[in-house]
């Protein structure tokens, strides 16, 4: 198994969960909720994509500096995400419930990936 492909697969699955959730929101939820879900999911997917790129490009020759760079970048993006969420709720009056549900796209994508891994690793006699 090529472990370098896991972040791309996870982002792809999370993107699929995001699109499925967006379609479900458009079909069954009010417009304010859909807009909140769209912004929340887009923010968290963008944050995860940037994190995956940073981790893949870092060179671990100096482990301390690389770790400090990764952790510092993570906390910077986390603070930026918090300020962005505050501004979206405060100034654009987005639905906070839709925003929080949109932020849960990445954990839902991880859960879906784990289910797919479990299904792929079953033996034929178990199927």
C-alpha atoms as a PDB file:
ATOM      1  CA  UNK A   1       0.000   0.000   0.000  1.00  0.00           C
ATOM      2  CA  UNK A   2       1.351   3.397  -0.988  1.00  0.00           C
ATOM      3  CA  UNK A   3       0.896   5.583   2.088  1.00  0.00           C
ATOM      4  CA  UNK A   4       1.590   8.785   0.140  1.00  0.00           C
ATOM      5  CA  UNK A   5      -1.745   8.408  -1.691  1.00  0.00           C
ATOM      6  CA  UNK A   6      -3.857   8.362   1.478  1.00  0.00           C
ATOM      7  CA  UNK A   7      -4.234  12.173   1.835  1.00  0.00           C
ATOM      8  CA  UNK A   8      -5.364  12.477  -1.796  1.00  0.00           C
ATOM      9  CA  UNK A   9      -7.821   9.611  -1.415  1.00  0.00           C
ATOM     10  CA  UNK A  10      -9.146  11.093   1.841  1.00  0.00           C
ATOM     11  CA  UNK A  11      -9.616  14.516   0.250  1.00  0.00           C
ATOM     12  CA  UNK A  12     -11.343  12.939  -2.753  1.00  0.00           C
ATOM     13  CA  UNK A  13     -13.732  10.989  -0.525  1.00  0.00           C
ATOM     14  CA  UNK A  14     -14.333  14.055   1.649  1.00  0.00           C
ATOM     15  CA  UNK A  15     -15.066  16.064  -1.492  1.00  0.00           C
ATOM     16  CA  UNK A  16     -17.561  13.413  -2.583  1.00  0.00           C
ATOM     17  CA  UNK A  17     -19.220  13.554   0.851  1.00  0.00           C
ATOM     18  CA  UNK A  18     -19.300  17.356   0.548  1.00  0.00           C
ATOM     19  CA  UNK A  19     -20.958  17.244  -2.872  1.00  0.00           C
ATOM     20  CA  UNK A  20     -23.475  14.627  -1.720  1.00  0.00           C
ATOM     21  CA  UNK A  21     -24.274  16.745   1.346  1.00  0.00           C
ATOM     22  CA  UNK A  22     -24.595  19.857  -0.779  1.00  0.00           C
ATOM     23  CA  UNK A  23     -27.024  18.107  -3.116  1.00  0.00           C
ATOM     24  CA  UNK A  24     -29.020  16.812  -0.139  1.00  0.00           C
ATOM     25  CA  UNK A  25     -29.074  20.327   1.347  1.00  0.00           C
ATOM     26  CA  UNK A  26     -30.307  21.815  -1.892  1.00  0.00           C
ATOM     27  CA  UNK A  27     -33.074  19.216  -2.076  1.00  0.00           C
ATOM     28  CA  UNK A  28     -34.246  19.154   1.543  1.00  0.00           C
ATOM     29  CA  UNK A  29     -32.962  22.152   3.524  1.00  0.00           C
ATOM     30  CA  UNK A  30     -33.651  25.887   3.521  1.00  0.00           C
ATOM     31  CA  UNK A  31     -31.375  28.176   1.519  1.00  0.00           C
ATOM     32  CA  UNK A  32     -29.648  29.701   4.583  1.00  0.00           C
ATOM     33  CA  UNK A  33     -28.652  26.240   5.806  1.00  0.00           C
ATOM     34  CA  UNK A  34     -27.332  25.309   2.339  1.00  0.00           C
ATOM     35  CA  UNK A  35     -25.197  28.430   2.145  1.00  0.00           C
ATOM     36  CA  UNK A  36     -23.795  27.771   5.638  1.00  0.00           C
ATOM     37  CA  UNK A  37     -23.062  24.154   4.744  1.00  0.00           C
ATOM     38  CA  UNK A  38     -21.397  25.220   1.506  1.00  0.00           C
ATOM     39  CA  UNK A  39     -19.099  27.752   3.186  1.00  0.00           C
ATOM     40  CA  UNK A  40     -18.253  25.451   6.117  1.00  0.00           C
ATOM     41  CA  UNK A  41     -17.425  22.497   3.893  1.00  0.00           C
ATOM     42  CA  UNK A  42     -15.409  24.615   1.473  1.00  0.00           C
ATOM     43  CA  UNK A  43     -13.372  26.151   4.309  1.00  0.00           C
ATOM     44  CA  UNK A  44     -12.533  22.827   5.912  1.00  0.00           C
ATOM     45  CA  UNK A  45     -11.707  21.158   2.587  1.00  0.00           C
ATOM     46  CA  UNK A  46      -9.431  24.052   1.650  1.00  0.00           C
ATOM     47  CA  UNK A  47      -7.730  23.865   5.045  1.00  0.00           C
ATOM     48  CA  UNK A  48      -7.197  20.102   4.696  1.00  0.00           C
ATOM     49  CA  UNK A  49      -5.879  20.456   1.161  1.00  0.00           C
ATOM     50  CA  UNK A  50      -3.355  23.088   2.261  1.00  0.00           C
ATOM     51  CA  UNK A  51      -2.320  20.898   5.215  1.00  0.00           C
ATOM     52  CA  UNK A  52      -1.801  17.862   2.979  1.00  0.00           C
ATOM     53  CA  UNK A  53       0.323  19.899   0.561  1.00  0.00           C
ATOM     54  CA  UNK A  54       2.465  21.272   3.398  1.00  0.00           C
ATOM     55  CA  UNK A  55       3.054  17.828   4.888  1.00  0.00           C
ATOM     56  CA  UNK A  56       3.959  16.325   1.518  1.00  0.00           C
ATOM     57  CA  UNK A  57       6.461  19.100   0.716  1.00  0.00           C
ATOM     58  CA  UNK A  58       8.278  19.247   4.049  1.00  0.00           C
ATOM     59  CA  UNK A  59      11.701  17.640   4.231  1.00  0.00           C
ATOM     60  CA  UNK A  60      12.518  15.992   7.509  1.00  0.00           C
ATOM     61  CA  UNK A  61      16.295  16.537   7.431  1.00  0.00           C
ATOM     62  CA  UNK A  62      16.040  18.691  10.535  1.00  0.00           C
ATOM     63  CA  UNK A  63      13.210  17.040  12.425  1.00  0.00           C
ATOM     64  CA  UNK A  64      12.808  19.821  15.004  1.00  0.00           C
ATOM     65  CA  UNK A  65      12.475  22.607  12.442  1.00  0.00           C
ATOM     66  CA  UNK A  66      10.155  20.577  10.244  1.00  0.00           C
ATOM     67  CA  UNK A  67       7.899  19.719  13.166  1.00  0.00           C
ATOM     68  CA  UNK A  68       7.857  23.323  14.392  1.00  0.00           C
ATOM     69  CA  UNK A  69       6.973  24.514  10.893  1.00  0.00           C
ATOM     70  CA  UNK A  70       4.138  22.011  10.546  1.00  0.00           C
ATOM     71  CA  UNK A  71       2.706  22.667  14.012  1.00  0.00           C
ATOM     72  CA  UNK A  72       3.062  26.444  13.626  1.00  0.00           C
ATOM     73  CA  UNK A  73       1.348  26.345  10.241  1.00  0.00           C
ATOM     74  CA  UNK A  74      -1.436  24.200  11.675  1.00  0.00           C
ATOM     75  CA  UNK A  75      -2.123  26.633  14.504  1.00  0.00           C
ATOM     76  CA  UNK A  76      -1.955  29.601  12.125  1.00  0.00           C
ATOM     77  CA  UNK A  77      -4.522  27.977   9.821  1.00  0.00           C
ATOM     78  CA  UNK A  78      -6.659  27.040  12.819  1.00  0.00           C
ATOM     79  CA  UNK A  79      -6.667  30.646  14.078  1.00  0.00           C
ATOM     80  CA  UNK A  80      -7.355  31.945  10.567  1.00  0.00           C
ATOM     81  CA  UNK A  81     -10.230  29.467  10.221  1.00  0.00           C
ATOM     82  CA  UNK A  82     -11.666  30.622  13.552  1.00  0.00           C
ATOM     83  CA  UNK A  83     -11.504  34.284  12.542  1.00  0.00           C
ATOM     84  CA  UNK A  84     -13.053  33.422   9.182  1.00  0.00           C
ATOM     85  CA  UNK A  85     -15.896  31.536  10.842  1.00  0.00           C
ATOM     86  CA  UNK A  86     -16.500  34.418  13.234  1.00  0.00           C
ATOM     87  CA  UNK A  87     -16.649  36.884  10.339  1.00  0.00           C
ATOM     88  CA  UNK A  88     -18.988  34.637   8.359  1.00  0.00           C
ATOM     89  CA  UNK A  89     -21.389  34.289  11.285  1.00  0.00           C
ATOM     90  CA  UNK A  90     -21.166  37.892  12.473  1.00  0.00           C
ATOM     91  CA  UNK A  91     -21.190  39.868   9.242  1.00  0.00           C
ATOM     92  CA  UNK A  92     -22.893  37.673   6.641  1.00  0.00           C
ATOM     93  CA  UNK A  93     -25.482  36.173   9.008  1.00  0.00           C
ATOM     94  CA  UNK A  94     -24.881  32.589   7.851  1.00  0.00           C
ATOM     95  CA  UNK A  95     -26.741  29.786   9.568  1.00  0.00           C
ATOM     96  CA  UNK A  96     -24.347  28.561  12.301  1.00  0.00           C
ATOM     97  CA  UNK A  97     -25.871  25.064  12.324  1.00  0.00           C
ATOM     98  CA  UNK A  98     -25.270  24.700   8.584  1.00  0.00           C
ATOM     99  CA  UNK A  99     -21.748  26.017   9.045  1.00  0.00           C
ATOM    100  CA  UNK A 100     -20.965  23.451  11.756  1.00  0.00           C
ATOM    101  CA  UNK A 101     -22.489  20.645   9.697  1.00  0.00           C
ATOM    102  CA  UNK A 102     -20.323  21.770   6.772  1.00  0.00           C
ATOM    103  CA  UNK A 103     -17.250  21.647   8.995  1.00  0.00           C
ATOM    104  CA  UNK A 104     -17.991  17.977   9.722  1.00  0.00           C
ATOM    105  CA  UNK A 105     -17.299  17.001   6.093  1.00  0.00           C
ATOM    106  CA  UNK A 106     -13.702  15.955   6.831  1.00  0.00           C
ATOM    107  CA  UNK A 107     -14.538  13.597   9.745  1.00  0.00           C
ATOM    108  CA  UNK A 108     -17.398  12.154   7.680  1.00  0.00           C
ATOM    109  CA  UNK A 109     -14.954  11.593   4.805  1.00  0.00           C
ATOM    110  CA  UNK A 110     -12.550   9.834   7.166  1.00  0.00           C
ATOM    111  CA  UNK A 111     -15.356   7.599   8.417  1.00  0.00           C
ATOM    112  CA  UNK A 112     -16.383   6.787   4.826  1.00  0.00           C
ATOM    113  CA  UNK A 113     -12.751   6.010   3.933  1.00  0.00           C
ATOM    114  CA  UNK A 114     -12.441   3.651   6.893  1.00  0.00           C
ATOM    115  CA  UNK A 115     -15.606   1.838   5.815  1.00  0.00           C
ATOM    116  CA  UNK A 116     -14.270   1.518   2.257  1.00  0.00           C
ATOM    117  CA  UNK A 117     -10.942   0.190   3.560  1.00  0.00           C
ATOM    118  CA  UNK A 118     -12.795  -2.383   5.661  1.00  0.00           C
ATOM    119  CA  UNK A 119     -14.891  -3.471   2.669  1.00  0.00           C
ATOM    120  CA  UNK A 120     -11.811  -3.677   0.410  1.00  0.00           C
ATOM    121  CA  UNK A 121      -9.858  -5.815   2.889  1.00  0.00           C
ATOM    122  CA  UNK A 122     -12.500  -8.504   3.417  1.00  0.00           C
ATOM    123  CA  UNK A 123     -11.628 -12.007   2.338  1.00  0.00           C
ATOM    124  CA  UNK A 124     -13.801 -13.664  -0.326  1.00  0.00           C
ATOM    125  CA  UNK A 125     -15.172 -16.192   2.170  1.00  0.00           C
ATOM    126  CA  UNK A 126     -16.408 -13.316   4.366  1.00  0.00           C
ATOM    127  CA  UNK A 127     -18.366 -11.693   1.555  1.00  0.00           C
END
